[in-house]
PDB file of N, CA and C in Angstrom:
ATOM      1  N   MET A   1     -33.348  14.374  23.855  1.00  0.00           N
ATOM      2  CA  MET A   1     -33.324  13.802  22.523  1.00  0.00           C
ATOM      3  C   MET A   1     -32.035  14.191  21.790  1.00  0.00           C
ATOM      4  N   PHE A   2     -31.642  15.459  21.925  1.00  0.00           N
ATOM      5  CA  PHE A   2     -30.439  15.918  21.244  1.00  0.00           C
ATOM      6  C   PHE A   2     -29.205  15.230  21.807  1.00  0.00           C
ATOM      7  N   HIS A   3     -29.247  14.874  23.088  1.00  0.00           N
ATOM      8  CA  HIS A   3     -28.119  14.196  23.718  1.00  0.00           C
ATOM      9  C   HIS A   3     -27.894  12.819  23.073  1.00  0.00           C
ATOM     10  N   ILE A   4     -28.950  12.117  22.742  1.00  0.00           N
ATOM     11  CA  ILE A   4     -28.833  10.805  22.107  1.00  0.00           C
ATOM     12  C   ILE A   4     -28.241  10.939  20.708  1.00  0.00           C
ATOM     13  N   ILE A   5     -28.707  11.919  19.949  1.00  0.00           N
ATOM     14  CA  ILE A   5     -28.183  12.144  18.601  1.00  0.00           C
ATOM     15  C   ILE A   5     -26.710  12.524  18.674  1.00  0.00           C
ATOM     16  N   TRP A   6     -26.356  13.389  19.616  1.00  0.00           N
ATOM     17  CA  TRP A   6     -24.966  13.797  19.782  1.00  0.00           C
ATOM     18  C   TRP A   6     -24.094  12.597  20.170  1.00  0.00           C
ATOM     19  N   SER A   7     -24.595  11.698  21.016  1.00  0.00           N
ATOM     20  CA  SER A   7     -23.843  10.507  21.407  1.00  0.00           C
ATOM     21  C   SER A   7     -23.597   9.594  20.210  1.00  0.00           C
ATOM     22  N   ILE A   8     -24.574   9.472  19.327  1.00  0.00           N
ATOM     23  CA  ILE A   8     -24.414   8.650  18.131  1.00  0.00           C
ATOM     24  C   ILE A   8     -23.367   9.259  17.209  1.00  0.00           C
ATOM     25  N   ILE A   9     -23.408  10.569  17.016  1.00  0.00           N
ATOM     26  CA  ILE A   9     -22.452  11.236  16.137  1.00  0.00           C
ATOM     27  C   ILE A   9     -21.028  11.100  16.686  1.00  0.00           C
ATOM     28  N   VAL A  10     -20.846  11.410  17.952  1.00  0.00           N
ATOM     29  CA  VAL A  10     -19.510  11.317  18.562  1.00  0.00           C
ATOM     30  C   VAL A  10     -19.054   9.858  18.613  1.00  0.00           C
ATOM     31  N   GLY A  11     -19.963   8.941  18.915  1.00  0.00           N
ATOM     32  CA  GLY A  11     -19.620   7.521  18.931  1.00  0.00           C
ATOM     33  C   GLY A  11     -19.158   7.032  17.573  1.00  0.00           C
ATOM     34  N   PHE A  12     -19.805   7.508  16.512  1.00  0.00           N
ATOM     35  CA  PHE A  12     -19.398   7.126  15.165  1.00  0.00           C
ATOM     36  C   PHE A  12     -18.003   7.653  14.846  1.00  0.00           C
ATOM     37  N   ILE A  13     -17.736   8.900  15.223  1.00  0.00           N
ATOM     38  CA  ILE A  13     -16.416   9.485  14.964  1.00  0.00           C
ATOM     39  C   ILE A  13     -15.338   8.750  15.754  1.00  0.00           C
ATOM     40  N   ILE A  14     -15.600   8.477  17.020  1.00  0.00           N
ATOM     41  CA  ILE A  14     -14.638   7.743  17.854  1.00  0.00           C
ATOM     42  C   ILE A  14     -14.432   6.332  17.301  1.00  0.00           C
ATOM     43  N   GLY A  15     -15.508   5.675  16.879  1.00  0.00           N
ATOM     44  CA  GLY A  15     -15.405   4.338  16.297  1.00  0.00           C
ATOM     45  C   GLY A  15     -14.589   4.332  15.018  1.00  0.00           C
ATOM     46  N   LEU A  16     -14.774   5.346  14.163  1.00  0.00           N
ATOM     47  CA  LEU A  16     -13.992   5.444  12.935  1.00  0.00           C
ATOM     48  C   LEU A  16     -12.509   5.652  13.226  1.00  0.00           C
ATOM     49  N   ILE A  17     -12.215   6.520  14.190  1.00  0.00           N
ATOM     50  CA  ILE A  17     -10.814   6.756  14.557  1.00  0.00           C
ATOM     51  C   ILE A  17     -10.192   5.478  15.104  1.00  0.00           C
ATOM     52  N   ALA A  18     -10.930   4.754  15.940  1.00  0.00           N
ATOM     53  CA  ALA A  18     -10.403   3.509  16.512  1.00  0.00           C
ATOM     54  C   ALA A  18     -10.163   2.473  15.419  1.00  0.00           C
ATOM     55  N   ARG A  19     -11.087   2.366  14.467  1.00  0.00           N
ATOM     56  CA  ARG A  19     -10.900   1.417  13.364  1.00  0.00           C
ATOM     57  C   ARG A  19      -9.737   1.824  12.475  1.00  0.00           C
ATOM     58  N   TRP A  20      -9.480   3.116  12.363  1.00  0.00           N
ATOM     59  CA  TRP A  20      -8.364   3.607  11.557  1.00  0.00           C
ATOM     60  C   TRP A  20      -7.032   3.312  12.230  1.00  0.00           C
ATOM     61  N   ILE A  21      -6.991   3.399  13.561  1.00  0.00           N
ATOM     62  CA  ILE A  21      -5.753   3.169  14.310  1.00  0.00           C
ATOM     63  C   ILE A  21      -5.378   1.692  14.326  1.00  0.00           C
ATOM     64  N   VAL A  22      -6.359   0.823  14.499  1.00  0.00           N
ATOM     65  CA  VAL A  22      -6.094  -0.618  14.590  1.00  0.00           C
ATOM     66  C   VAL A  22      -5.779  -1.162  13.200  1.00  0.00           C
ATOM     67  N   PRO A  23      -4.624  -1.819  13.043  1.00  0.00           N
ATOM     68  CA  PRO A  23      -4.272  -2.343  11.717  1.00  0.00           C
ATOM     69  C   PRO A  23      -5.151  -3.533  11.332  1.00  0.00           C
ATOM     70  N   GLY A  24      -5.356  -3.696  10.041  1.00  0.00           N
ATOM     71  CA  GLY A  24      -6.148  -4.811   9.529  1.00  0.00           C
ATOM     72  C   GLY A  24      -7.556  -4.370   9.196  1.00  0.00           C
ATOM     73  N   ALA A  25      -8.237  -5.226   8.478  1.00  0.00           N
ATOM     74  CA  ALA A  25      -9.604  -4.921   8.040  1.00  0.00           C
ATOM     75  C   ALA A  25     -10.606  -5.381   9.094  1.00  0.00           C
ATOM     76  N   GLU A  26     -11.450  -4.485   9.496  1.00  0.00           N
ATOM     77  CA  GLU A  26     -12.540  -4.805  10.402  1.00  0.00           C
ATOM     78  C   GLU A  26     -13.837  -4.756   9.611  1.00  0.00           C
ATOM     79  N   HIS A  27     -14.572  -5.827   9.624  1.00  0.00           N
ATOM     80  CA  HIS A  27     -15.821  -5.886   8.876  1.00  0.00           C
ATOM     81  C   HIS A  27     -16.979  -5.551   9.811  1.00  0.00           C
ATOM     82  N   MET A  28     -17.108  -4.254  10.074  1.00  0.00           N
ATOM     83  CA  MET A  28     -18.175  -3.748  10.930  1.00  0.00           C
ATOM     84  C   MET A  28     -19.035  -2.803  10.114  1.00  0.00           C
ATOM     85  N   GLY A  29     -20.291  -2.817  10.389  1.00  0.00           N
ATOM     86  CA  GLY A  29     -21.186  -1.877   9.745  1.00  0.00           C
ATOM     87  C   GLY A  29     -21.277  -0.590  10.548  1.00  0.00           C
ATOM     88  N   PHE A  30     -22.199   0.264  10.117  1.00  0.00           N
ATOM     89  CA  PHE A  30     -22.407   1.553  10.778  1.00  0.00           C
ATOM     90  C   PHE A  30     -22.812   1.367  12.234  1.00  0.00           C
ATOM     91  N   ILE A  31     -23.753   0.475  12.485  1.00  0.00           N
ATOM     92  CA  ILE A  31     -24.279   0.308  13.848  1.00  0.00           C
ATOM     93  C   ILE A  31     -23.192  -0.217  14.782  1.00  0.00           C
ATOM     94  N   MET A  32     -22.424  -1.189  14.325  1.00  0.00           N
ATOM     95  CA  MET A  32     -21.356  -1.730  15.175  1.00  0.00           C
ATOM     96  C   MET A  32     -20.262  -0.702  15.423  1.00  0.00           C
ATOM     97  N   THR A  33     -19.962   0.131  14.430  1.00  0.00           N
ATOM     98  CA  THR A  33     -18.978   1.199  14.615  1.00  0.00           C
ATOM     99  C   THR A  33     -19.463   2.193  15.664  1.00  0.00           C
ATOM    100  N   VAL A  34     -20.749   2.537  15.611  1.00  0.00           N
ATOM    101  CA  VAL A  34     -21.329   3.463  16.596  1.00  0.00           C
ATOM    102  C   VAL A  34     -21.291   2.837  17.983  1.00  0.00           C
ATOM    103  N   VAL A  35     -21.644   1.560  18.082  1.00  0.00           N
ATOM    104  CA  VAL A  35     -21.648   0.888  19.394  1.00  0.00           C
ATOM    105  C   VAL A  35     -20.235   0.835  19.970  1.00  0.00           C
ATOM    106  N   VAL A  36     -19.242   0.499  19.125  1.00  0.00           N
ATOM    107  CA  VAL A  36     -17.848   0.473  19.591  1.00  0.00           C
ATOM    108  C   VAL A  36     -17.432   1.862  20.066  1.00  0.00           C
ATOM    109  N   GLY A  37     -17.809   2.895  19.320  1.00  0.00           N
ATOM    110  CA  GLY A  37     -17.459   4.258  19.705  1.00  0.00           C
ATOM    111  C   GLY A  37     -18.107   4.693  21.006  1.00  0.00           C
ATOM    112  N   ILE A  38     -19.394   4.366  21.171  1.00  0.00           N
ATOM    113  CA  ILE A  38     -20.106   4.778  22.391  1.00  0.00           C
ATOM    114  C   ILE A  38     -19.578   4.022  23.606  1.00  0.00           C
ATOM    115  N   VAL A  39     -19.417   2.711  23.487  1.00  0.00           N
ATOM    116  CA  VAL A  39     -18.912   1.924  24.620  1.00  0.00           C
ATOM    117  C   VAL A  39     -17.465   2.316  24.931  1.00  0.00           C
ATOM    118  N   GLY A  40     -16.667   2.528  23.888  1.00  0.00           N
ATOM    119  CA  GLY A  40     -15.293   2.993  24.104  1.00  0.00           C
ATOM    120  C   GLY A  40     -15.257   4.352  24.765  1.00  0.00           C
ATOM    121  N   SER A  41     -16.201   5.217  24.409  1.00  0.00           N
ATOM    122  CA  SER A  41     -16.274   6.533  25.034  1.00  0.00           C
ATOM    123  C   SER A  41     -16.639   6.436  26.508  1.00  0.00           C
ATOM    124  N   VAL A  42     -17.534   5.535  26.826  1.00  0.00           N
ATOM    125  CA  VAL A  42     -17.915   5.358  28.231  1.00  0.00           C
ATOM    126  C   VAL A  42     -16.725   4.836  29.035  1.00  0.00           C
ATOM    127  N   ILE A  43     -16.059   3.826  28.505  1.00  0.00           N
ATOM    128  CA  ILE A  43     -14.895   3.257  29.200  1.00  0.00           C
ATOM    129  C   ILE A  43     -13.775   4.290  29.302  1.00  0.00           C
ATOM    130  N   GLY A  44     -13.443   4.909  28.180  1.00  0.00           N
ATOM    131  CA  GLY A  44     -12.354   5.882  28.171  1.00  0.00           C
ATOM    132  C   GLY A  44     -12.679   7.145  28.944  1.00  0.00           C
ATOM    133  N   GLY A  45     -13.929   7.581  28.889  1.00  0.00           N
ATOM    134  CA  GLY A  45     -14.326   8.757  29.657  1.00  0.00           C
ATOM    135  C   GLY A  45     -14.208   8.532  31.150  1.00  0.00           C
ATOM    136  N   PHE A  46     -14.555   7.323  31.573  1.00  0.00           N
ATOM    137  CA  PHE A  46     -14.406   6.982  32.992  1.00  0.00           C
ATOM    138  C   PHE A  46     -12.939   6.998  33.388  1.00  0.00           C
ATOM    139  N   ILE A  47     -12.086   6.408  32.549  1.00  0.00           N
ATOM    140  CA  ILE A  47     -10.650   6.401  32.849  1.00  0.00           C
ATOM    141  C   ILE A  47     -10.092   7.823  32.807  1.00  0.00           C
ATOM    142  N   GLY A  48     -10.564   8.644  31.872  1.00  0.00           N
ATOM    143  CA  GLY A  48     -10.100  10.026  31.763  1.00  0.00           C
ATOM    144  C   GLY A  48     -10.438  10.856  32.988  1.00  0.00           C
ATOM    145  N   THR A  49     -11.613  10.620  33.572  1.00  0.00           N
ATOM    146  CA  THR A  49     -11.979  11.376  34.770  1.00  0.00           C
ATOM    147  C   THR A  49     -11.169  10.942  35.985  1.00  0.00           C
ATOM    148  N   LEU A  50     -10.596   9.745  35.939  1.00  0.00           N
ATOM    149  CA  LEU A  50      -9.723   9.327  37.041  1.00  0.00           C
ATOM    150  C   LEU A  50      -8.421  10.117  37.034  1.00  0.00           C
ATOM    151  N   PHE A  51      -7.943  10.510  35.831  1.00  0.00           N
ATOM    152  CA  PHE A  51      -6.707  11.273  35.725  1.00  0.00           C
ATOM    153  C   PHE A  51      -6.917  12.758  35.987  1.00  0.00           C
ATOM    154  N   LYS A  52      -7.952  13.323  35.401  1.00  0.00           N
ATOM    155  CA  LYS A  52      -8.184  14.761  35.540  1.00  0.00           C
ATOM    156  C   LYS A  52      -9.681  15.036  35.501  1.00  0.00           C
ATOM    157  N   LYS A  53     -10.153  15.687  36.515  1.00  0.00           N
ATOM    158  CA  LYS A  53     -11.571  16.050  36.581  1.00  0.00           C
ATOM    159  C   LYS A  53     -11.816  17.272  35.708  1.00  0.00           C
ATOM    160  N   PRO A  54     -12.916  17.290  34.960  1.00  0.00           N
ATOM    161  CA  PRO A  54     -13.216  18.487  34.159  1.00  0.00           C
ATOM    162  C   PRO A  54     -13.635  19.644  35.056  1.00  0.00           C
ATOM    163  N   GLU A  55     -13.376  20.845  34.575  1.00  0.00           N
ATOM    164  CA  GLU A  55     -13.793  22.037  35.320  1.00  0.00           C
ATOM    165  C   GLU A  55     -15.322  22.113  35.325  1.00  0.00           C
ATOM    166  N   PRO A  56     -15.918  22.669  36.373  1.00  0.00           N
ATOM    167  CA  PRO A  56     -17.377  22.799  36.415  1.00  0.00           C
ATOM    168  C   PRO A  56     -17.884  23.653  35.246  1.00  0.00           C
ATOM    169  N   GLY A  57     -18.871  23.137  34.526  1.00  0.00           N
ATOM    170  CA  GLY A  57     -19.452  23.851  33.399  1.00  0.00           C
ATOM    171  C   GLY A  57     -18.704  23.674  32.093  1.00  0.00           C
ATOM    172  N   GLN A  58     -17.634  22.901  32.103  1.00  0.00           N
ATOM    173  CA  GLN A  58     -16.842  22.694  30.894  1.00  0.00           C
ATOM    174  C   GLN A  58     -17.588  21.738  29.963  1.00  0.00           C
ATOM    175  N   LYS A  59     -17.735  22.116  28.696  1.00  0.00           N
ATOM    176  CA  LYS A  59     -18.473  21.305  27.737  1.00  0.00           C
ATOM    177  C   LYS A  59     -17.602  20.224  27.112  1.00  0.00           C
ATOM    178  N   PHE A  60     -16.304  20.482  26.925  1.00  0.00           N
ATOM    179  CA  PHE A  60     -15.405  19.540  26.258  1.00  0.00           C
ATOM    180  C   PHE A  60     -14.273  19.181  27.205  1.00  0.00           C
ATOM    181  N   HIS A  61     -14.058  17.885  27.398  1.00  0.00           N
ATOM    182  CA  HIS A  61     -13.015  17.394  28.288  1.00  0.00           C
ATOM    183  C   HIS A  61     -11.971  16.672  27.441  1.00  0.00           C
ATOM    184  N   THR A  62     -10.806  17.275  27.266  1.00  0.00           N
ATOM    185  CA  THR A  62      -9.776  16.746  26.375  1.00  0.00           C
ATOM    186  C   THR A  62      -9.310  15.365  26.802  1.00  0.00           C
ATOM    187  N   ALA A  63      -9.050  15.178  28.085  1.00  0.00           N
ATOM    188  CA  ALA A  63      -8.602  13.871  28.564  1.00  0.00           C
ATOM    189  C   ALA A  63      -9.670  12.815  28.320  1.00  0.00           C
ATOM    190  N   GLY A  64     -10.922  13.178  28.479  1.00  0.00           N
ATOM    191  CA  GLY A  64     -12.012  12.241  28.218  1.00  0.00           C
ATOM    192  C   GLY A  64     -12.099  11.860  26.753  1.00  0.00           C
ATOM    193  N   PHE A  65     -11.883  12.826  25.859  1.00  0.00           N
ATOM    194  CA  PHE A  65     -11.934  12.556  24.427  1.00  0.00           C
ATOM    195  C   PHE A  65     -10.800  11.634  24.007  1.00  0.00           C
ATOM    196  N   LEU A  66      -9.586  11.934  24.475  1.00  0.00           N
ATOM    197  CA  LEU A  66      -8.437  11.092  24.116  1.00  0.00           C
ATOM    198  C   LEU A  66      -8.573   9.686  24.698  1.00  0.00           C
ATOM    199  N   MET A  67      -9.042   9.595  25.911  1.00  0.00           N
ATOM    200  CA  MET A  67      -9.227   8.283  26.516  1.00  0.00           C
ATOM    201  C   MET A  67     -10.399   7.542  25.884  1.00  0.00           C
ATOM    202  N   SER A  68     -11.352   8.254  25.308  1.00  0.00           N
ATOM    203  CA  SER A  68     -12.434   7.607  24.571  1.00  0.00           C
ATOM    204  C   SER A  68     -11.877   6.866  23.371  1.00  0.00           C
ATOM    205  N   ILE A  69     -10.922   7.480  22.696  1.00  0.00           N
ATOM    206  CA  ILE A  69     -10.280   6.824  21.557  1.00  0.00           C
ATOM    207  C   ILE A  69      -9.509   5.599  22.034  1.00  0.00           C
ATOM    208  N   VAL A  70      -8.788   5.738  23.143  1.00  0.00           N
ATOM    209  CA  VAL A  70      -8.036   4.603  23.688  1.00  0.00           C
ATOM    210  C   VAL A  70      -8.986   3.474  24.089  1.00  0.00           C
ATOM    211  N   GLY A  71     -10.088   3.813  24.728  1.00  0.00           N
ATOM    212  CA  GLY A  71     -11.076   2.804  25.119  1.00  0.00           C
ATOM    213  C   GLY A  71     -11.685   2.101  23.919  1.00  0.00           C
ATOM    214  N   ALA A  72     -11.948   2.842  22.841  1.00  0.00           N
ATOM    215  CA  ALA A  72     -12.518   2.238  21.642  1.00  0.00           C
ATOM    216  C   ALA A  72     -11.491   1.342  20.945  1.00  0.00           C
ATOM    217  N   VAL A  73     -10.218   1.741  20.940  1.00  0.00           N
ATOM    218  CA  VAL A  73      -9.168   0.904  20.342  1.00  0.00           C
ATOM    219  C   VAL A  73      -9.050  -0.410  21.112  1.00  0.00           C
ATOM    220  N   ILE A  74      -9.073  -0.334  22.422  1.00  0.00           N
ATOM    221  CA  ILE A  74      -9.024  -1.548  23.247  1.00  0.00           C
ATOM    222  C   ILE A  74     -10.223  -2.441  22.948  1.00  0.00           C
ATOM    223  N   LEU A  75     -11.393  -1.836  22.791  1.00  0.00           N
ATOM    224  CA  LEU A  75     -12.599  -2.604  22.497  1.00  0.00           C
ATOM    225  C   LEU A  75     -12.519  -3.268  21.127  1.00  0.00           C
ATOM    226  N   VAL A  76     -11.944  -2.582  20.129  1.00  0.00           N
ATOM    227  CA  VAL A  76     -11.782  -3.182  18.797  1.00  0.00           C
ATOM    228  C   VAL A  76     -10.843  -4.384  18.885  1.00  0.00           C
ATOM    229  N   TYR A  77      -9.759  -4.260  19.639  1.00  0.00           N
ATOM    230  CA  TYR A  77      -8.852  -5.401  19.815  1.00  0.00           C
ATOM    231  C   TYR A  77      -9.561  -6.558  20.536  1.00  0.00           C
ATOM    232  N   LEU A  78     -10.354  -6.258  21.543  1.00  0.00           N
ATOM    233  CA  LEU A  78     -11.092  -7.313  22.249  1.00  0.00           C
ATOM    234  C   LEU A  78     -12.094  -7.990  21.317  1.00  0.00           C
ATOM    235  N   LEU A  79     -12.791  -7.228  20.509  1.00  0.00           N
ATOM    236  CA  LEU A  79     -13.744  -7.808  19.562  1.00  0.00           C
ATOM    237  C   LEU A  79     -13.022  -8.686  18.542  1.00  0.00           C
ATOM    238  N   ARG A  80     -11.869  -8.263  18.088  1.00  0.00           N
ATOM    239  CA  ARG A  80     -11.088  -9.060  17.136  1.00  0.00           C
ATOM    240  C   ARG A  80     -10.659 -10.368  17.798  1.00  0.00           C
ATOM    241  N   PHE A  81     -10.247 -10.304  19.060  1.00  0.00           N
ATOM    242  CA  PHE A  81      -9.822 -11.503  19.790  1.00  0.00           C
ATOM    243  C   PHE A  81     -10.987 -12.473  19.979  1.00  0.00           C
ATOM    244  N   VAL A  82     -12.164 -11.952  20.299  1.00  0.00           N
ATOM    245  CA  VAL A  82     -13.333 -12.798  20.542  1.00  0.00           C
ATOM    246  C   VAL A  82     -13.855 -13.414  19.242  1.00  0.00           C
ATOM    247  N   GLN A  83     -13.804 -12.669  18.148  1.00  0.00           N
ATOM    248  CA  GLN A  83     -14.350 -13.161  16.888  1.00  0.00           C
ATOM    249  C   GLN A  83     -13.463 -14.198  16.227  1.00  0.00           C
ATOM    250  N   HIS A  84     -12.168 -14.207  16.519  1.00  0.00           N
ATOM    251  CA  HIS A  84     -11.269 -15.170  15.854  1.00  0.00           C
ATOM    252  C   HIS A  84     -10.886 -16.240  16.771  1.00  0.00           C
TER     253      HIS A  84
END
C-alpha cells in the first residue's frame, strides 16, 4: 500500500518538473500530472537501467531519477503533439 502512495507522490513531483521544463501552458489537472509522472518514470527508469544498473539494496537510483524526468518531458511533448 505504501508503495502505491509513494509512486503517486514521486509521479506528481516528476510530472511537475516535466511541466516546468516544457515551455508553454499545459492544461492538465492533478490526476493527469500524476499519470504523466508515473508513466515517464517507468519509461525513464527503464532507460536509466540500460545505462547503469543500481547497486544491490540501493534505495535511490540517480540515473533512474534523471531519466524519469527525461521520460516525462518526452511524454508531455507527445501529449501536446497528439492533442493539437
